[in-house]
Amino acid sequence: MANINQIFLLGNLTRDPEIRYTNEGMAITEMNIAINKRWKDPDGEENINTDFFNITAWNHLAENCANNLKKGDRIFAGGHINLRTWENKDGKKFNIISISADVIGLSLEFAKKPDNSNVKEDIKKNIKKADGAVKKDKFSNTGEEPDYIVEIEN
């Protein structure tokens, strides 16, 4: 019988990732993410519930996370779930669930659309500067009318 222990999370970092190293020099980065769940109750009132998860990254992934991520970043994390159990001096048992990350990436869900208006203007200026153009070629790989025509000298 096969066993599966995989989890995928999309949420926001609640603090800057913290890196440390083992005695053997292995990098470990700890980070936390918040995941909001929104829903409307039967009366139409909007509700929000937030879950928090601890994520641990190891080795090169740990160093990349520590160097490139910051509080508030929206990340996608994939990995497996770990359950740690221990008893305190009074015999009370504690459980902590954490995620060991296999992959972490920035979400571009809310990234701003790049402003390419200057690129089109620069192309148009360069085309106007061309002297003695003999042939006009339309470049389009979609079959639609292109945004501009490039003039080519023979």
C-alpha atoms as a PDB file:
ATOM      1  CA  MET A   1       0.000   0.000   0.000  1.00  0.00           C
ATOM      2  CA  ALA A   2       1.404   3.403  -1.004  1.00  0.00           C
ATOM      3  CA  ASN A   3       1.540   6.314   1.419  1.00  0.00           C
ATOM      4  CA  ILE A   4       1.372   9.967   0.429  1.00  0.00           C
ATOM      5  CA  ASN A   5       2.480  12.922   2.535  1.00  0.00           C
ATOM      6  CA  GLN A   6       2.337  16.039   0.342  1.00  0.00           C
ATOM      7  CA  ILE A   7       1.026  19.513   1.034  1.00  0.00           C
ATOM      8  CA  PHE A   8       0.794  22.691  -1.058  1.00  0.00           C
ATOM      9  CA  LEU A   9       0.171  26.070   0.540  1.00  0.00           C
ATOM     10  CA  LEU A  10      -0.341  29.592  -0.811  1.00  0.00           C
ATOM     11  CA  GLY A  11      -0.149  32.404   1.711  1.00  0.00           C
ATOM     12  CA  ASN A  12       1.725  35.450   3.010  1.00  0.00           C
ATOM     13  CA  LEU A  13       4.881  35.429   5.117  1.00  0.00           C
ATOM     14  CA  THR A  14       4.152  36.749   8.601  1.00  0.00           C
ATOM     15  CA  ARG A  15       7.805  37.660   9.294  1.00  0.00           C
ATOM     16  CA  ASP A  16      11.170  37.706   7.557  1.00  0.00           C
ATOM     17  CA  PRO A  17      12.648  34.208   7.131  1.00  0.00           C
ATOM     18  CA  GLU A  18      15.274  33.381   9.784  1.00  0.00           C
ATOM     19  CA  ILE A  19      18.321  31.375   8.785  1.00  0.00           C
ATOM     20  CA  ARG A  20      20.636  29.390  11.045  1.00  0.00           C
ATOM     21  CA  TYR A  21      23.221  26.689  10.484  1.00  0.00           C
ATOM     22  CA  THR A  22      23.705  23.268  12.057  1.00  0.00           C
ATOM     23  CA  ASN A  23      27.082  22.309  13.566  1.00  0.00           C
ATOM     24  CA  GLU A  24      27.777  20.544  10.267  1.00  0.00           C
ATOM     25  CA  GLY A  25      27.140  23.778   8.302  1.00  0.00           C
ATOM     26  CA  MET A  26      23.725  22.829   6.900  1.00  0.00           C
ATOM     27  CA  ALA A  27      21.448  25.842   6.350  1.00  0.00           C
ATOM     28  CA  ILE A  28      17.972  25.825   7.935  1.00  0.00           C
ATOM     29  CA  THR A  29      15.453  28.613   7.378  1.00  0.00           C
ATOM     30  CA  GLU A  30      12.299  28.925   9.438  1.00  0.00           C
ATOM     31  CA  MET A  31       9.356  30.988   8.220  1.00  0.00           C
ATOM     32  CA  ASN A  32       5.644  31.301   8.918  1.00  0.00           C
ATOM     33  CA  ILE A  33       2.790  31.903   6.522  1.00  0.00           C
ATOM     34  CA  ALA A  34      -0.761  33.040   7.051  1.00  0.00           C
ATOM     35  CA  ILE A  35      -3.552  31.676   4.872  1.00  0.00           C
ATOM     36  CA  ASN A  36      -6.863  33.507   4.879  1.00  0.00           C
ATOM     37  CA  LYS A  37     -10.138  31.735   4.263  1.00  0.00           C
ATOM     38  CA  ARG A  38     -13.115  33.946   3.410  1.00  0.00           C
ATOM     39  CA  TRP A  39     -16.746  32.925   3.317  1.00  0.00           C
ATOM     40  CA  LYS A  40     -20.234  34.332   3.742  1.00  0.00           C
ATOM     41  CA  ASP A  41     -22.551  32.997   6.405  1.00  0.00           C
ATOM     42  CA  PRO A  42     -26.267  32.338   5.740  1.00  0.00           C
ATOM     43  CA  ASP A  43     -27.040  35.988   6.633  1.00  0.00           C
ATOM     44  CA  GLY A  44     -24.637  37.199   3.918  1.00  0.00           C
ATOM     45  CA  GLU A  45     -22.064  38.487   6.379  1.00  0.00           C
ATOM     46  CA  GLU A  46     -18.454  38.020   5.268  1.00  0.00           C
ATOM     47  CA  ASN A  47     -16.186  36.077   7.621  1.00  0.00           C
ATOM     48  CA  ILE A  48     -12.435  35.600   7.638  1.00  0.00           C
ATOM     49  CA  ASN A  49     -10.496  32.823   9.312  1.00  0.00           C
ATOM     50  CA  THR A  50      -6.685  32.756   9.249  1.00  0.00           C
ATOM     51  CA  ASP A  51      -4.538  29.652   9.622  1.00  0.00           C
ATOM     52  CA  PHE A  52      -0.816  29.892  10.401  1.00  0.00           C
ATOM     53  CA  PHE A  53       1.791  27.332   9.345  1.00  0.00           C
ATOM     54  CA  ASN A  54       5.467  26.891  10.221  1.00  0.00           C
ATOM     55  CA  ILE A  55       7.646  26.089   7.214  1.00  0.00           C
ATOM     56  CA  THR A  56      11.231  24.830   7.294  1.00  0.00           C
ATOM     57  CA  ALA A  57      13.551  24.931   4.294  1.00  0.00           C
ATOM     58  CA  TRP A  58      16.924  23.179   4.134  1.00  0.00           C
ATOM     59  CA  ASN A  59      20.283  23.604   2.357  1.00  0.00           C
ATOM     60  CA  HIS A  60      20.279  25.774  -0.804  1.00  0.00           C
ATOM     61  CA  LEU A  61      16.533  26.336  -0.628  1.00  0.00           C
ATOM     62  CA  ALA A  62      16.993  27.678   2.909  1.00  0.00           C
ATOM     63  CA  GLU A  63      19.670  30.137   1.784  1.00  0.00           C
ATOM     64  CA  ASN A  64      17.622  31.269  -1.230  1.00  0.00           C
ATOM     65  CA  CYS A  65      14.564  31.875   0.956  1.00  0.00           C
ATOM     66  CA  ALA A  66      16.564  33.837   3.540  1.00  0.00           C
ATOM     67  CA  ASN A  67      18.199  35.983   0.848  1.00  0.00           C
ATOM     68  CA  ASN A  68      15.166  36.653  -1.346  1.00  0.00           C
ATOM     69  CA  LEU A  69      11.967  36.571   0.736  1.00  0.00           C
ATOM     70  CA  LYS A  70      10.607  39.076   3.227  1.00  0.00           C
ATOM     71  CA  LYS A  71       7.623  39.623   5.485  1.00  0.00           C
ATOM     72  CA  GLY A  72       4.425  40.097   3.468  1.00  0.00           C
ATOM     73  CA  ASP A  73       5.594  38.205   0.371  1.00  0.00           C
ATOM     74  CA  ARG A  74       2.956  35.908  -1.098  1.00  0.00           C
ATOM     75  CA  ILE A  75       4.551  32.498  -1.549  1.00  0.00           C
ATOM     76  CA  PHE A  76       3.688  29.049  -2.812  1.00  0.00           C
ATOM     77  CA  ALA A  77       5.203  26.242  -0.757  1.00  0.00           C
ATOM     78  CA  GLY A  78       5.158  22.530  -1.471  1.00  0.00           C
ATOM     79  CA  GLY A  79       6.505  19.866   0.830  1.00  0.00           C
ATOM     80  CA  HIS A  80       5.543  17.307   3.441  1.00  0.00           C
ATOM     81  CA  ILE A  81       3.988  17.464   6.899  1.00  0.00           C
ATOM     82  CA  ASN A  82       5.956  16.665  10.054  1.00  0.00           C
ATOM     83  CA  LEU A  83       4.393  15.941  13.434  1.00  0.00           C
ATOM     84  CA  ARG A  84       6.632  16.426  16.461  1.00  0.00           C
ATOM     85  CA  THR A  85       5.436  15.145  19.815  1.00  0.00           C
ATOM     86  CA  TRP A  86       7.074  15.615  23.218  1.00  0.00           C
ATOM     87  CA  GLU A  87       6.316  15.657  26.920  1.00  0.00           C
ATOM     88  CA  ASN A  88       7.220  18.398  29.363  1.00  0.00           C
ATOM     89  CA  LYS A  89       8.518  17.779  32.902  1.00  0.00           C
ATOM     90  CA  ASP A  90       4.953  17.485  34.215  1.00  0.00           C
ATOM     91  CA  GLY A  91       4.090  14.723  31.732  1.00  0.00           C
ATOM     92  CA  LYS A  92       1.873  16.931  29.565  1.00  0.00           C
ATOM     93  CA  LYS A  93       2.079  15.969  25.853  1.00  0.00           C
ATOM     94  CA  PHE A  94       2.528  18.557  23.118  1.00  0.00           C
ATOM     95  CA  ASN A  95       2.187  18.265  19.340  1.00  0.00           C
ATOM     96  CA  ILE A  96       3.486  20.628  16.670  1.00  0.00           C
ATOM     97  CA  ILE A  97       2.759  20.267  12.986  1.00  0.00           C
ATOM     98  CA  SER A  98       5.276  21.841  10.629  1.00  0.00           C
ATOM     99  CA  ILE A  99       5.951  21.749   6.909  1.00  0.00           C
ATOM    100  CA  SER A 100       9.314  20.683   5.442  1.00  0.00           C
ATOM    101  CA  ALA A 101       9.528  22.509   2.133  1.00  0.00           C
ATOM    102  CA  ASP A 102      10.651  20.844  -1.086  1.00  0.00           C
ATOM    103  CA  VAL A 103       9.861  23.895  -3.236  1.00  0.00           C
ATOM    104  CA  ILE A 104       9.087  27.541  -2.482  1.00  0.00           C
ATOM    105  CA  GLY A 105       8.301  30.252  -4.994  1.00  0.00           C
ATOM    106  CA  LEU A 106       6.966  33.777  -5.078  1.00  0.00           C
ATOM    107  CA  SER A 107       3.385  34.056  -6.243  1.00  0.00           C
ATOM    108  CA  LEU A 108       2.884  36.522  -9.093  1.00  0.00           C
ATOM    109  CA  GLU A 109      -0.849  36.544  -8.478  1.00  0.00           C
ATOM    110  CA  PHE A 110      -0.853  40.222  -7.524  1.00  0.00           C
ATOM    111  CA  ALA A 111       2.222  41.376  -9.452  1.00  0.00           C
ATOM    112  CA  LYS A 112       1.903  44.633 -11.354  1.00  0.00           C
ATOM    113  CA  LYS A 113       1.625  44.420 -15.116  1.00  0.00           C
ATOM    114  CA  PRO A 114       4.871  45.685 -16.658  1.00  0.00           C
ATOM    115  CA  ASP A 115       4.694  49.004 -18.499  1.00  0.00           C
ATOM    116  CA  ASN A 116       5.892  48.263 -22.048  1.00  0.00           C
ATOM    117  CA  SER A 117       4.699  51.542 -23.562  1.00  0.00           C
ATOM    118  CA  ASN A 118       8.280  52.846 -23.855  1.00  0.00           C
ATOM    119  CA  VAL A 119       9.334  49.765 -25.824  1.00  0.00           C
ATOM    120  CA  LYS A 120       6.748  50.396 -28.558  1.00  0.00           C
ATOM    121  CA  GLU A 121       7.700  54.094 -28.720  1.00  0.00           C
ATOM    122  CA  ASP A 122      11.413  53.233 -29.040  1.00  0.00           C
ATOM    123  CA  ILE A 123      10.665  50.809 -31.880  1.00  0.00           C
ATOM    124  CA  LYS A 124       8.609  53.417 -33.712  1.00  0.00           C
ATOM    125  CA  LYS A 125      11.394  56.030 -33.323  1.00  0.00           C
ATOM    126  CA  ASN A 126      14.013  53.618 -34.650  1.00  0.00           C
ATOM    127  CA  ILE A 127      11.858  52.735 -37.640  1.00  0.00           C
ATOM    128  CA  LYS A 128      11.423  56.428 -38.520  1.00  0.00           C
ATOM    129  CA  LYS A 129      15.228  56.901 -38.382  1.00  0.00           C
ATOM    130  CA  ALA A 130      15.793  54.208 -41.049  1.00  0.00           C
ATOM    131  CA  ASP A 131      16.901  55.742 -44.371  1.00  0.00           C
ATOM    132  CA  GLY A 132      16.082  54.569 -47.877  1.00  0.00           C
ATOM    133  CA  ALA A 133      13.946  51.636 -46.900  1.00  0.00           C
ATOM    134  CA  VAL A 134      13.008  49.594 -49.932  1.00  0.00           C
ATOM    135  CA  LYS A 135      11.085  46.667 -48.544  1.00  0.00           C
ATOM    136  CA  LYS A 136       8.516  46.495 -45.771  1.00  0.00           C
ATOM    137  CA  ASP A 137       8.110  43.226 -43.871  1.00  0.00           C
ATOM    138  CA  LYS A 138       5.291  42.593 -41.441  1.00  0.00           C
ATOM    139  CA  PHE A 139       6.383  40.454 -38.510  1.00  0.00           C
ATOM    140  CA  SER A 140       3.600  38.518 -36.860  1.00  0.00           C
ATOM    141  CA  ASN A 141       3.498  34.938 -35.700  1.00  0.00           C
ATOM    142  CA  THR A 142      -0.218  35.056 -34.931  1.00  0.00           C
ATOM    143  CA  GLY A 143      -1.504  35.813 -38.431  1.00  0.00           C
ATOM    144  CA  GLU A 144      -3.030  39.046 -37.119  1.00  0.00           C
ATOM    145  CA  GLU A 145      -2.055  42.552 -38.201  1.00  0.00           C
ATOM    146  CA  PRO A 146       1.158  43.501 -36.341  1.00  0.00           C
ATOM    147  CA  ASP A 147       1.512  46.558 -34.111  1.00  0.00           C
ATOM    148  CA  TYR A 148       4.334  47.914 -36.283  1.00  0.00           C
ATOM    149  CA  ILE A 149       6.062  47.395 -39.607  1.00  0.00           C
ATOM    150  CA  VAL A 150       9.829  47.028 -39.825  1.00  0.00           C
ATOM    151  CA  GLU A 151      11.451  48.607 -42.857  1.00  0.00           C
ATOM    152  CA  ILE A 152      14.481  46.722 -44.181  1.00  0.00           C
ATOM    153  CA  GLU A 153      17.190  48.151 -46.429  1.00  0.00           C
ATOM    154  CA  ASN A 154      18.428  45.973 -49.276  1.00  0.00           C
END
